[in-house]
N, C-alpha and C. Protein backbone atom coordinates (compact mmCIF):
# COMPACT_ATOMS: atom_id res chain seq x y z
N MET A 1 15.88 150.62 -0.87
CA MET A 1 16.85 151.15 0.09
C MET A 1 15.89 152.12 1.20
N ALA A 2 15.80 151.49 2.33
CA ALA A 2 14.95 152.22 3.66
C ALA A 2 15.66 153.49 3.86
N SER A 3 14.95 154.62 3.72
CA SER A 3 15.73 156.01 4.26
C SER A 3 15.58 156.00 5.64
N ARG A 4 16.53 156.69 6.32
CA ARG A 4 16.70 156.71 7.87
C ARG A 4 15.78 158.15 8.20
N THR A 5 14.98 158.05 9.26
CA THR A 5 14.01 159.01 9.62
C THR A 5 15.06 160.20 10.27
N ARG A 6 14.81 161.46 9.95
CA ARG A 6 15.51 162.50 10.47
C ARG A 6 14.75 163.41 11.29
N LEU A 7 15.19 164.13 12.00
CA LEU A 7 14.67 165.13 12.95
C LEU A 7 13.97 166.26 11.99
N PRO A 8 13.25 167.06 12.14
CA PRO A 8 12.62 168.16 11.39
C PRO A 8 13.67 168.98 10.78
N GLY A 9 14.73 169.49 11.50
CA GLY A 9 15.81 170.17 10.74
C GLY A 9 16.55 169.66 9.92
N GLY A 10 16.55 168.32 9.59
CA GLY A 10 17.27 167.64 8.54
C GLY A 10 18.46 166.76 9.18
N GLU A 11 18.94 167.02 10.49
CA GLU A 11 19.95 166.31 10.95
C GLU A 11 19.61 165.06 11.41
N PRO A 12 20.69 163.83 11.18
CA PRO A 12 20.38 162.73 11.69
C PRO A 12 20.01 162.39 13.12
N ARG A 13 19.15 161.31 13.62
CA ARG A 13 19.05 161.16 15.06
C ARG A 13 19.92 160.55 15.65
N MET A 14 20.00 160.65 16.82
CA MET A 14 21.11 160.06 17.79
C MET A 14 20.77 158.55 17.81
N ALA A 15 21.74 157.86 18.32
CA ALA A 15 21.43 156.23 18.26
C ALA A 15 20.48 155.84 19.21
N SER A 16 20.41 156.59 20.31
CA SER A 16 19.37 156.37 21.38
C SER A 16 17.91 156.65 20.84
N GLN A 17 17.88 157.32 19.83
CA GLN A 17 16.61 157.79 19.14
C GLN A 17 16.07 156.88 18.19
N ARG A 18 16.94 156.15 17.62
CA ARG A 18 16.47 155.31 16.37
C ARG A 18 15.41 154.35 16.56
N ARG A 19 15.54 153.47 17.70
CA ARG A 19 14.86 152.36 17.97
C ARG A 19 13.91 152.50 18.87
N THR A 20 13.14 153.66 18.91
CA THR A 20 11.95 154.00 19.68
C THR A 20 10.70 153.56 19.08
N ARG A 21 9.68 153.20 19.84
CA ARG A 21 8.40 152.79 19.33
C ARG A 21 7.39 154.08 19.91
N ARG A 22 6.35 153.99 18.96
CA ARG A 22 5.19 155.17 19.31
C ARG A 22 4.40 154.64 20.26
N ALA A 23 3.94 155.67 21.21
CA ALA A 23 3.06 155.39 22.22
C ALA A 23 1.79 154.56 21.64
N GLY A 24 1.07 153.80 22.41
CA GLY A 24 -0.05 152.96 21.92
C GLY A 24 -1.25 153.96 22.17
N THR A 25 -2.40 153.68 21.75
CA THR A 25 -3.51 154.59 21.68
C THR A 25 -4.14 154.51 23.19
N VAL A 26 -4.69 155.33 23.61
CA VAL A 26 -5.19 155.52 24.93
C VAL A 26 -6.72 155.44 24.81
N GLN A 27 -7.48 154.50 25.69
CA GLN A 27 -8.66 154.37 25.42
C GLN A 27 -9.44 155.40 26.61
N ALA A 28 -10.18 156.11 26.21
CA ALA A 28 -10.93 157.00 27.03
C ALA A 28 -11.92 156.22 27.87
N ARG A 29 -12.02 156.51 29.08
CA ARG A 29 -13.25 155.82 29.95
C ARG A 29 -13.98 156.65 30.20
N ILE A 30 -15.20 156.15 29.82
CA ILE A 30 -16.48 157.07 29.95
C ILE A 30 -17.17 156.58 31.12
N THR A 31 -17.48 157.37 32.14
CA THR A 31 -18.25 157.07 33.31
C THR A 31 -19.67 157.52 33.20
N PRO A 32 -20.91 156.89 33.41
CA PRO A 32 -22.03 157.14 33.47
C PRO A 32 -22.22 158.21 34.37
N SER A 33 -23.47 159.26 34.13
CA SER A 33 -23.65 160.32 35.08
C SER A 33 -24.92 159.57 35.82
N TRP A 34 -24.90 159.57 37.05
CA TRP A 34 -25.86 159.07 38.10
C TRP A 34 -26.58 160.28 38.62
N ARG A 35 -27.99 159.69 38.66
CA ARG A 35 -28.87 160.59 39.25
C ARG A 35 -29.62 159.98 40.61
N HIS A 36 -30.18 161.07 41.45
CA HIS A 36 -30.70 160.56 42.53
C HIS A 36 -31.68 159.51 42.37
N GLY A 37 -31.60 158.30 42.97
CA GLY A 37 -32.64 157.29 42.95
C GLY A 37 -32.09 156.15 41.88
N ASP A 38 -31.09 156.29 40.94
CA ASP A 38 -30.66 155.25 40.49
C ASP A 38 -29.97 154.01 40.98
N ARG A 39 -30.60 153.02 40.45
CA ARG A 39 -29.97 151.67 41.06
C ARG A 39 -28.56 151.53 41.00
N VAL A 40 -27.55 151.20 41.81
CA VAL A 40 -26.37 151.11 41.47
C VAL A 40 -25.67 149.83 42.13
N ARG A 41 -24.83 149.22 41.80
CA ARG A 41 -23.97 147.98 42.45
C ARG A 41 -22.71 148.42 42.76
N TRP A 42 -22.36 148.20 44.39
CA TRP A 42 -21.02 148.23 44.85
C TRP A 42 -20.78 147.31 45.61
N GLY A 43 -19.79 146.57 45.53
CA GLY A 43 -19.46 145.49 46.30
C GLY A 43 -20.24 144.35 46.50
N GLY A 44 -20.81 143.99 45.37
CA GLY A 44 -21.76 143.00 45.24
C GLY A 44 -23.19 143.17 45.81
N GLN A 45 -23.43 144.16 46.17
CA GLN A 45 -24.69 144.78 46.73
C GLN A 45 -25.23 145.82 45.89
N LEU A 46 -26.68 145.55 45.92
CA LEU A 46 -27.59 146.54 45.03
C LEU A 46 -27.89 147.89 46.03
N GLY A 47 -27.93 148.77 45.67
CA GLY A 47 -28.30 150.05 46.36
C GLY A 47 -28.79 151.08 45.47
N TYR A 48 -28.88 152.37 46.12
CA TYR A 48 -29.47 153.53 45.22
C TYR A 48 -28.48 154.65 45.32
N PHE A 49 -28.42 155.24 44.44
CA PHE A 49 -27.53 156.34 44.37
C PHE A 49 -28.11 157.67 44.96
N GLY A 50 -27.57 158.23 46.09
CA GLY A 50 -27.99 159.17 46.70
C GLY A 50 -27.56 160.62 46.17
N ARG A 51 -26.51 161.07 46.32
CA ARG A 51 -25.94 162.34 45.74
C ARG A 51 -24.55 162.11 45.32
N ASP A 52 -23.98 163.14 44.44
CA ASP A 52 -22.60 163.31 44.23
C ASP A 52 -22.02 164.22 45.19
N VAL A 53 -20.80 163.95 46.05
CA VAL A 53 -20.24 164.65 46.89
C VAL A 53 -19.48 165.46 45.91
N GLU A 54 -19.48 167.01 46.33
CA GLU A 54 -18.92 167.96 45.53
C GLU A 54 -17.35 167.77 44.97
N ASP A 55 -16.49 166.92 45.51
CA ASP A 55 -15.25 166.70 45.28
C ASP A 55 -15.09 166.06 43.90
N GLY A 56 -16.06 165.56 43.21
CA GLY A 56 -15.88 164.92 41.92
C GLY A 56 -15.68 163.42 41.83
N THR A 57 -15.15 162.81 42.86
CA THR A 57 -14.68 161.49 42.98
C THR A 57 -15.63 160.65 43.91
N HIS A 58 -16.21 161.10 44.99
CA HIS A 58 -17.09 160.33 45.82
C HIS A 58 -18.63 160.58 45.56
N ALA A 59 -19.40 159.56 45.95
CA ALA A 59 -20.82 159.67 46.09
C ALA A 59 -21.44 159.05 47.40
N GLU A 60 -22.54 159.35 47.57
CA GLU A 60 -23.28 158.56 48.61
C GLU A 60 -24.23 157.57 48.19
N ILE A 61 -24.17 156.36 48.64
CA ILE A 61 -25.16 155.55 48.22
C ILE A 61 -25.97 154.91 49.39
N ARG A 62 -27.14 154.35 49.26
CA ARG A 62 -27.83 153.71 50.11
C ARG A 62 -28.16 152.32 50.15
N ILE A 63 -27.49 151.44 50.87
CA ILE A 63 -28.04 150.03 50.69
C ILE A 63 -28.69 149.45 52.00
N GLY A 64 -29.85 149.00 51.76
CA GLY A 64 -30.52 148.97 52.80
C GLY A 64 -30.71 150.24 53.84
N ARG A 65 -30.68 150.27 55.13
CA ARG A 65 -30.78 151.50 55.87
C ARG A 65 -29.63 152.18 56.08
N ARG A 66 -28.43 151.90 55.63
CA ARG A 66 -27.09 152.43 55.72
C ARG A 66 -26.81 153.41 54.59
N LEU A 67 -25.94 154.36 54.87
CA LEU A 67 -25.50 155.29 53.89
C LEU A 67 -23.77 155.16 53.79
N TYR A 68 -23.41 154.92 52.53
CA TYR A 68 -21.87 154.78 52.23
C TYR A 68 -21.56 155.67 51.45
N LEU A 69 -20.38 156.30 51.60
CA LEU A 69 -19.57 157.09 50.90
C LEU A 69 -18.45 156.40 50.14
N VAL A 70 -18.66 156.41 48.87
CA VAL A 70 -17.93 155.45 47.95
C VAL A 70 -17.54 156.23 46.73
N ARG A 71 -16.21 155.68 46.20
CA ARG A 71 -15.75 156.36 44.84
C ARG A 71 -16.85 156.10 43.76
N ILE A 72 -16.87 157.05 42.94
CA ILE A 72 -17.84 156.87 41.72
C ILE A 72 -17.34 156.00 40.70
N ALA A 73 -15.87 155.76 40.57
CA ALA A 73 -15.36 154.89 39.69
C ALA A 73 -15.81 153.26 39.93
N ASP A 74 -16.08 153.10 41.12
CA ASP A 74 -16.47 151.65 41.71
C ASP A 74 -17.96 151.47 41.55
N LEU A 75 -18.53 152.36 41.05
CA LEU A 75 -20.03 152.06 41.10
C LEU A 75 -20.34 151.38 39.80
N LYS A 76 -21.25 150.47 39.58
CA LYS A 76 -21.85 149.67 38.38
C LYS A 76 -23.25 149.90 38.21
N PRO A 77 -23.78 150.07 36.96
CA PRO A 77 -25.29 150.05 37.07
C PRO A 77 -25.96 148.89 37.65
N GLY A 78 -27.07 149.09 38.30
CA GLY A 78 -27.64 148.05 39.04
C GLY A 78 -28.83 147.50 38.07
């Protein structure tokens, strides 16, 4: 006979609490740390990492003779 789960104080759960599911595990996303001169790929183009802008989400990259301000999450290793 299956026992019903109870709250920590011993009282039974309400009907709305009985059929809940546990949250799934969250995968941590690890972003690589880029250094000046590293080759990066952004938007299908190869370029070079310039510097990390101090806001923590953007970086400057150089593709050809142009400088672009892009999100760090959009960069891939080149």
